[in-house]
Amino acid sequence: MKKILIVFLVILFVFIGYKFFYKTNKLSSSVPVTIDVNHINEVKGLIKSNSKYNRRFAFFIDMKIPSGKNRFFVYDLKTNKIIDKGLVAHGSGSETGIKGELKFSNIPNSLSTSIGKYYIGNSYQGKFGKAYKLYGLDQTNSNAFKRDIVFHYYYDVPYKEQNGYICNSFGCPMVNRKYFDRMSKIVDGSESNIIMSIYY
């Protein structure tokens, strides 16, 4: 009788633990992701003042979010909704030695991510395959073209979210090939330059 009671209690604890774990994970995954309205308004103000920029789509990268979580967002400026999201690596020079804390630089050879607004230029075939030239629009990223900071994919960047952190780049916003292919369709299908805003 004692053995049956012990087995029952063990099963009960396992069941309770599973339900709690499942509920916690479900809640955390269902938390809505948002983009700071100030960054959205900055981009909207920029595209309103210059017809060369795409008025429908913009890319936002929130460097406050850990690299193992989705932090690259495709935003529909007309409907004010995030329509796609994925993982993106930051520069190895942005590491501070404290997980979750990053630093940024516009200095050549710093291997760091530069925060600020960019516009995405023409594509070319680089050492990692297809890539897009990036042009910095702020003082914090004005050296992007000179530093060869480009938007590209890399085989080591995972496609799905994970715990912990992913690989680093040399300062470029670097994504998974599958995600990059989706972004390419948006960029190549646009007659005007798409804005990419990287912030922290």
C-alpha atoms as a PDB file:
ATOM      1  CA  MET A   1       0.000   0.000   0.000  1.00  0.00           C
ATOM      2  CA  LYS A   2       2.868   2.376   0.840  1.00  0.00           C
ATOM      3  CA  LYS A   3       4.543   1.629  -2.512  1.00  0.00           C
ATOM      4  CA  ILE A   4       1.328   2.457  -4.375  1.00  0.00           C
ATOM      5  CA  LEU A   5       0.996   5.704  -2.423  1.00  0.00           C
ATOM      6  CA  ILE A   6       4.614   6.669  -3.153  1.00  0.00           C
ATOM      7  CA  VAL A   7       4.204   5.901  -6.861  1.00  0.00           C
ATOM      8  CA  PHE A   8       0.986   7.950  -6.927  1.00  0.00           C
ATOM      9  CA  LEU A   9       2.699  10.917  -5.251  1.00  0.00           C
ATOM     10  CA  VAL A  10       5.634  10.746  -7.673  1.00  0.00           C
ATOM     11  CA  ILE A  11       3.264  10.724 -10.657  1.00  0.00           C
ATOM     12  CA  LEU A  12       1.310  13.612  -9.137  1.00  0.00           C
ATOM     13  CA  PHE A  13       4.468  15.727  -8.644  1.00  0.00           C
ATOM     14  CA  VAL A  14       5.653  14.981 -12.187  1.00  0.00           C
ATOM     15  CA  PHE A  15       2.243  15.987 -13.569  1.00  0.00           C
ATOM     16  CA  ILE A  16       2.148  19.217 -11.542  1.00  0.00           C
ATOM     17  CA  GLY A  17       5.724  20.029 -12.580  1.00  0.00           C
ATOM     18  CA  TYR A  18       4.924  19.436 -16.243  1.00  0.00           C
ATOM     19  CA  LYS A  19       1.814  21.607 -16.130  1.00  0.00           C
ATOM     20  CA  PHE A  20       3.711  24.409 -14.411  1.00  0.00           C
ATOM     21  CA  PHE A  21       6.635  24.207 -16.859  1.00  0.00           C
ATOM     22  CA  TYR A  22       4.326  24.053 -19.865  1.00  0.00           C
ATOM     23  CA  LYS A  23       2.237  26.991 -18.646  1.00  0.00           C
ATOM     24  CA  THR A  24       5.330  29.083 -17.906  1.00  0.00           C
ATOM     25  CA  ASN A  25       6.803  28.401 -21.338  1.00  0.00           C
ATOM     26  CA  LYS A  26       3.487  29.049 -23.016  1.00  0.00           C
ATOM     27  CA  LEU A  27       3.139  32.388 -21.267  1.00  0.00           C
ATOM     28  CA  SER A  28       6.681  33.462 -22.061  1.00  0.00           C
ATOM     29  CA  SER A  29       6.333  32.548 -25.740  1.00  0.00           C
ATOM     30  CA  SER A  30       3.025  34.355 -26.039  1.00  0.00           C
ATOM     31  CA  VAL A  31       4.331  37.668 -24.690  1.00  0.00           C
ATOM     32  CA  PRO A  32       3.841  40.132 -27.565  1.00  0.00           C
ATOM     33  CA  VAL A  33       6.985  41.651 -29.037  1.00  0.00           C
ATOM     34  CA  THR A  34       6.868  45.392 -29.560  1.00  0.00           C
ATOM     35  CA  ILE A  35       9.117  48.002 -31.125  1.00  0.00           C
ATOM     36  CA  ASP A  36       9.671  51.267 -29.296  1.00  0.00           C
ATOM     37  CA  VAL A  37       7.351  53.805 -30.897  1.00  0.00           C
ATOM     38  CA  ASN A  38      10.149  56.416 -30.884  1.00  0.00           C
ATOM     39  CA  HIS A  39      12.229  54.305 -33.275  1.00  0.00           C
ATOM     40  CA  ILE A  40       9.218  53.745 -35.511  1.00  0.00           C
ATOM     41  CA  ASN A  41       8.454  57.481 -35.600  1.00  0.00           C
ATOM     42  CA  GLU A  42      12.086  58.295 -36.402  1.00  0.00           C
ATOM     43  CA  VAL A  43      11.990  55.995 -39.405  1.00  0.00           C
ATOM     44  CA  LYS A  44       8.600  57.311 -40.519  1.00  0.00           C
ATOM     45  CA  GLY A  45       9.929  60.863 -40.298  1.00  0.00           C
ATOM     46  CA  LEU A  46      12.973  59.930 -42.369  1.00  0.00           C
ATOM     47  CA  ILE A  47      11.033  58.242 -45.164  1.00  0.00           C
ATOM     48  CA  LYS A  48       8.499  61.070 -45.244  1.00  0.00           C
ATOM     49  CA  SER A  49      11.278  63.542 -45.949  1.00  0.00           C
ATOM     50  CA  ASN A  50      12.910  61.504 -48.716  1.00  0.00           C
ATOM     51  CA  SER A  51      11.128  59.687 -51.537  1.00  0.00           C
ATOM     52  CA  LYS A  52      14.089  57.368 -52.134  1.00  0.00           C
ATOM     53  CA  TYR A  53      13.092  55.278 -49.089  1.00  0.00           C
ATOM     54  CA  ASN A  54      10.484  52.526 -48.985  1.00  0.00           C
ATOM     55  CA  ARG A  55       7.273  53.754 -47.343  1.00  0.00           C
ATOM     56  CA  ARG A  56       5.799  50.309 -46.668  1.00  0.00           C
ATOM     57  CA  PHE A  57       8.479  48.206 -44.980  1.00  0.00           C
ATOM     58  CA  ALA A  58      11.319  48.834 -42.539  1.00  0.00           C
ATOM     59  CA  PHE A  59      13.688  46.531 -40.661  1.00  0.00           C
ATOM     60  CA  PHE A  60      14.273  47.006 -36.925  1.00  0.00           C
ATOM     61  CA  ILE A  61      16.956  45.288 -34.819  1.00  0.00           C
ATOM     62  CA  ASP A  62      16.665  45.540 -31.034  1.00  0.00           C
ATOM     63  CA  MET A  63      20.097  44.862 -29.535  1.00  0.00           C
ATOM     64  CA  LYS A  64      18.655  44.841 -26.002  1.00  0.00           C
ATOM     65  CA  ILE A  65      17.177  41.418 -26.780  1.00  0.00           C
ATOM     66  CA  PRO A  66      19.630  38.482 -26.306  1.00  0.00           C
ATOM     67  CA  SER A  67      21.042  37.130 -29.572  1.00  0.00           C
ATOM     68  CA  GLY A  68      19.418  33.733 -29.016  1.00  0.00           C
ATOM     69  CA  LYS A  69      15.978  35.326 -29.275  1.00  0.00           C
ATOM     70  CA  ASN A  70      14.225  36.920 -32.233  1.00  0.00           C
ATOM     71  CA  ARG A  71      15.310  40.554 -32.450  1.00  0.00           C
ATOM     72  CA  PHE A  72      15.280  41.281 -36.183  1.00  0.00           C
ATOM     73  CA  PHE A  73      11.816  42.553 -37.092  1.00  0.00           C
ATOM     74  CA  VAL A  74      10.155  43.327 -40.403  1.00  0.00           C
ATOM     75  CA  TYR A  75       7.656  46.099 -39.778  1.00  0.00           C
ATOM     76  CA  ASP A  76       4.729  47.088 -41.969  1.00  0.00           C
ATOM     77  CA  LEU A  77       4.602  50.874 -41.711  1.00  0.00           C
ATOM     78  CA  LYS A  78       1.092  51.019 -43.157  1.00  0.00           C
ATOM     79  CA  THR A  79      -0.589  48.549 -40.798  1.00  0.00           C
ATOM     80  CA  ASN A  80       1.813  49.228 -37.890  1.00  0.00           C
ATOM     81  CA  LYS A  81       2.461  45.530 -37.360  1.00  0.00           C
ATOM     82  CA  ILE A  82       5.457  43.213 -37.126  1.00  0.00           C
ATOM     83  CA  ILE A  83       5.067  40.792 -40.030  1.00  0.00           C
ATOM     84  CA  ASP A  84       8.238  38.699 -39.625  1.00  0.00           C
ATOM     85  CA  LYS A  85      11.020  38.167 -37.089  1.00  0.00           C
ATOM     86  CA  GLY A  86      14.259  36.249 -36.771  1.00  0.00           C
ATOM     87  CA  LEU A  87      17.646  35.882 -35.123  1.00  0.00           C
ATOM     88  CA  VAL A  88      20.508  38.220 -35.946  1.00  0.00           C
ATOM     89  CA  ALA A  89      24.122  38.251 -34.778  1.00  0.00           C
ATOM     90  CA  HIS A  90      26.021  41.293 -33.526  1.00  0.00           C
ATOM     91  CA  GLY A  91      29.708  42.128 -33.847  1.00  0.00           C
ATOM     92  CA  SER A  92      32.268  40.355 -31.663  1.00  0.00           C
ATOM     93  CA  GLY A  93      33.715  43.766 -30.817  1.00  0.00           C
ATOM     94  CA  SER A  94      30.420  44.663 -29.128  1.00  0.00           C
ATOM     95  CA  GLU A  95      30.979  42.098 -26.382  1.00  0.00           C
ATOM     96  CA  THR A  96      31.772  43.611 -22.975  1.00  0.00           C
ATOM     97  CA  GLY A  97      32.527  40.423 -21.057  1.00  0.00           C
ATOM     98  CA  ILE A  98      29.188  40.781 -19.290  1.00  0.00           C
ATOM     99  CA  LYS A  99      26.456  38.690 -20.901  1.00  0.00           C
ATOM    100  CA  GLY A 100      23.548  40.821 -22.016  1.00  0.00           C
ATOM    101  CA  GLU A 101      25.541  44.062 -22.016  1.00  0.00           C
ATOM    102  CA  LEU A 102      26.855  45.362 -25.312  1.00  0.00           C
ATOM    103  CA  LYS A 103      28.957  48.280 -26.496  1.00  0.00           C
ATOM    104  CA  PHE A 104      28.947  49.840 -29.955  1.00  0.00           C
ATOM    105  CA  SER A 105      31.472  51.536 -32.187  1.00  0.00           C
ATOM    106  CA  ASN A 106      31.709  53.307 -35.545  1.00  0.00           C
ATOM    107  CA  ILE A 107      35.506  52.912 -35.682  1.00  0.00           C
ATOM    108  CA  PRO A 108      37.060  50.864 -38.510  1.00  0.00           C
ATOM    109  CA  ASN A 109      38.450  47.450 -37.458  1.00  0.00           C
ATOM    110  CA  SER A 110      36.540  47.559 -34.161  1.00  0.00           C
ATOM    111  CA  LEU A 111      34.486  44.495 -35.217  1.00  0.00           C
ATOM    112  CA  SER A 112      31.603  46.164 -33.414  1.00  0.00           C
ATOM    113  CA  THR A 113      27.990  46.717 -34.340  1.00  0.00           C
ATOM    114  CA  SER A 114      27.108  50.351 -35.000  1.00  0.00           C
ATOM    115  CA  ILE A 115      23.722  51.534 -33.835  1.00  0.00           C
ATOM    116  CA  GLY A 116      21.715  53.930 -35.965  1.00  0.00           C
ATOM    117  CA  LYS A 117      19.661  54.019 -39.134  1.00  0.00           C
ATOM    118  CA  TYR A 118      20.919  52.553 -42.408  1.00  0.00           C
ATOM    119  CA  TYR A 119      19.530  52.226 -45.861  1.00  0.00           C
ATOM    120  CA  ILE A 120      19.994  48.957 -47.714  1.00  0.00           C
ATOM    121  CA  GLY A 121      21.804  49.325 -51.025  1.00  0.00           C
ATOM    122  CA  ASN A 122      22.529  46.997 -53.916  1.00  0.00           C
ATOM    123  CA  SER A 123      23.318  43.319 -53.521  1.00  0.00           C
ATOM    124  CA  TYR A 124      26.606  41.711 -54.569  1.00  0.00           C
ATOM    125  CA  GLN A 125      28.321  38.333 -54.273  1.00  0.00           C
ATOM    126  CA  GLY A 126      30.713  38.397 -51.316  1.00  0.00           C
ATOM    127  CA  LYS A 127      32.715  35.765 -49.487  1.00  0.00           C
ATOM    128  CA  PHE A 128      29.564  34.601 -47.674  1.00  0.00           C
ATOM    129  CA  GLY A 129      27.424  34.626 -50.828  1.00  0.00           C
ATOM    130  CA  LYS A 130      24.765  37.202 -51.575  1.00  0.00           C
ATOM    131  CA  ALA A 131      24.958  40.308 -49.408  1.00  0.00           C
ATOM    132  CA  TYR A 132      23.613  43.858 -49.358  1.00  0.00           C
ATOM    133  CA  LYS A 133      25.654  47.013 -48.931  1.00  0.00           C
ATOM    134  CA  LEU A 134      24.624  49.176 -45.974  1.00  0.00           C
ATOM    135  CA  TYR A 135      24.897  52.951 -45.782  1.00  0.00           C
ATOM    136  CA  GLY A 136      24.877  54.628 -42.365  1.00  0.00           C
ATOM    137  CA  LEU A 137      22.599  57.641 -41.964  1.00  0.00           C
ATOM    138  CA  ASP A 138      23.679  58.758 -38.479  1.00  0.00           C
ATOM    139  CA  GLN A 139      26.911  59.882 -36.835  1.00  0.00           C
ATOM    140  CA  THR A 140      26.967  56.604 -34.932  1.00  0.00           C
ATOM    141  CA  ASN A 141      27.181  54.519 -38.136  1.00  0.00           C
ATOM    142  CA  SER A 142      28.583  56.937 -40.728  1.00  0.00           C
ATOM    143  CA  ASN A 143      31.563  54.641 -41.429  1.00  0.00           C
ATOM    144  CA  ALA A 144      29.434  51.594 -42.279  1.00  0.00           C
ATOM    145  CA  PHE A 145      30.287  51.544 -45.989  1.00  0.00           C
ATOM    146  CA  LYS A 146      33.967  52.220 -45.323  1.00  0.00           C
ATOM    147  CA  ARG A 147      34.006  49.411 -42.716  1.00  0.00           C
ATOM    148  CA  ASP A 148      32.381  46.950 -45.169  1.00  0.00           C
ATOM    149  CA  ILE A 149      29.395  46.530 -42.869  1.00  0.00           C
ATOM    150  CA  VAL A 150      26.859  44.593 -44.935  1.00  0.00           C
ATOM    151  CA  PHE A 151      23.683  42.579 -44.455  1.00  0.00           C
ATOM    152  CA  HIS A 152      24.425  38.913 -45.117  1.00  0.00           C
ATOM    153  CA  TYR A 153      23.719  35.346 -44.040  1.00  0.00           C
ATOM    154  CA  TYR A 154      26.012  32.805 -42.405  1.00  0.00           C
ATOM    155  CA  TYR A 155      25.599  29.051 -42.003  1.00  0.00           C
ATOM    156  CA  ASP A 156      26.342  29.121 -38.262  1.00  0.00           C
ATOM    157  CA  VAL A 157      23.419  31.402 -37.363  1.00  0.00           C
ATOM    158  CA  PRO A 158      20.512  29.205 -36.179  1.00  0.00           C
ATOM    159  CA  TYR A 159      17.036  29.585 -37.615  1.00  0.00           C
ATOM    160  CA  LYS A 160      15.020  29.057 -34.445  1.00  0.00           C
ATOM    161  CA  GLU A 161      15.199  30.745 -31.070  1.00  0.00           C
ATOM    162  CA  GLN A 162      17.318  29.094 -28.409  1.00  0.00           C
ATOM    163  CA  ASN A 163      18.486  29.625 -24.871  1.00  0.00           C
ATOM    164  CA  GLY A 164      21.790  31.428 -24.539  1.00  0.00           C
ATOM    165  CA  TYR A 165      23.632  33.294 -27.273  1.00  0.00           C
ATOM    166  CA  ILE A 166      24.528  32.693 -30.903  1.00  0.00           C
ATOM    167  CA  CYS A 167      27.719  33.304 -32.882  1.00  0.00           C
ATOM    168  CA  ASN A 168      29.090  36.790 -33.496  1.00  0.00           C
ATOM    169  CA  SER A 169      29.874  38.646 -36.722  1.00  0.00           C
ATOM    170  CA  PHE A 170      32.616  41.130 -37.591  1.00  0.00           C
ATOM    171  CA  GLY A 171      30.132  43.964 -37.056  1.00  0.00           C
ATOM    172  CA  CYS A 172      27.555  43.058 -39.696  1.00  0.00           C
ATOM    173  CA  PRO A 173      23.894  42.217 -39.072  1.00  0.00           C
ATOM    174  CA  MET A 174      24.200  38.516 -39.916  1.00  0.00           C
ATOM    175  CA  VAL A 175      21.227  36.136 -40.148  1.00  0.00           C
ATOM    176  CA  ASN A 176      20.292  32.576 -41.024  1.00  0.00           C
ATOM    177  CA  ARG A 177      20.175  31.662 -44.741  1.00  0.00           C
ATOM    178  CA  LYS A 178      16.490  30.733 -44.634  1.00  0.00           C
ATOM    179  CA  TYR A 179      15.563  34.037 -42.974  1.00  0.00           C
ATOM    180  CA  PHE A 180      17.868  35.957 -45.321  1.00  0.00           C
ATOM    181  CA  ASP A 181      16.072  34.496 -48.333  1.00  0.00           C
ATOM    182  CA  ARG A 182      12.769  35.912 -47.043  1.00  0.00           C
ATOM    183  CA  MET A 183      14.370  39.306 -46.459  1.00  0.00           C
ATOM    184  CA  SER A 184      15.885  39.226 -49.942  1.00  0.00           C
ATOM    185  CA  LYS A 185      12.447  38.886 -51.511  1.00  0.00           C
ATOM    186  CA  ILE A 186      11.357  42.063 -49.721  1.00  0.00           C
ATOM    187  CA  VAL A 187      14.522  43.999 -50.571  1.00  0.00           C
ATOM    188  CA  ASP A 188      14.739  42.847 -54.193  1.00  0.00           C
ATOM    189  CA  GLY A 189      11.027  43.468 -54.702  1.00  0.00           C
ATOM    190  CA  SER A 190      11.319  47.074 -53.532  1.00  0.00           C
ATOM    191  CA  GLU A 191      11.844  49.891 -56.016  1.00  0.00           C
ATOM    192  CA  SER A 192      13.127  52.132 -53.214  1.00  0.00           C
ATOM    193  CA  ASN A 193      15.690  51.669 -50.467  1.00  0.00           C
ATOM    194  CA  ILE A 194      14.541  49.966 -47.281  1.00  0.00           C
ATOM    195  CA  ILE A 195      15.566  51.466 -43.935  1.00  0.00           C
ATOM    196  CA  MET A 196      17.205  49.271 -41.296  1.00  0.00           C
ATOM    197  CA  SER A 197      17.274  50.691 -37.768  1.00  0.00           C
ATOM    198  CA  ILE A 198      19.623  49.123 -35.214  1.00  0.00           C
ATOM    199  CA  TYR A 199      19.121  50.357 -31.654  1.00  0.00           C
ATOM    200  CA  TYR A 200      19.881  49.502 -28.010  1.00  0.00           C
END
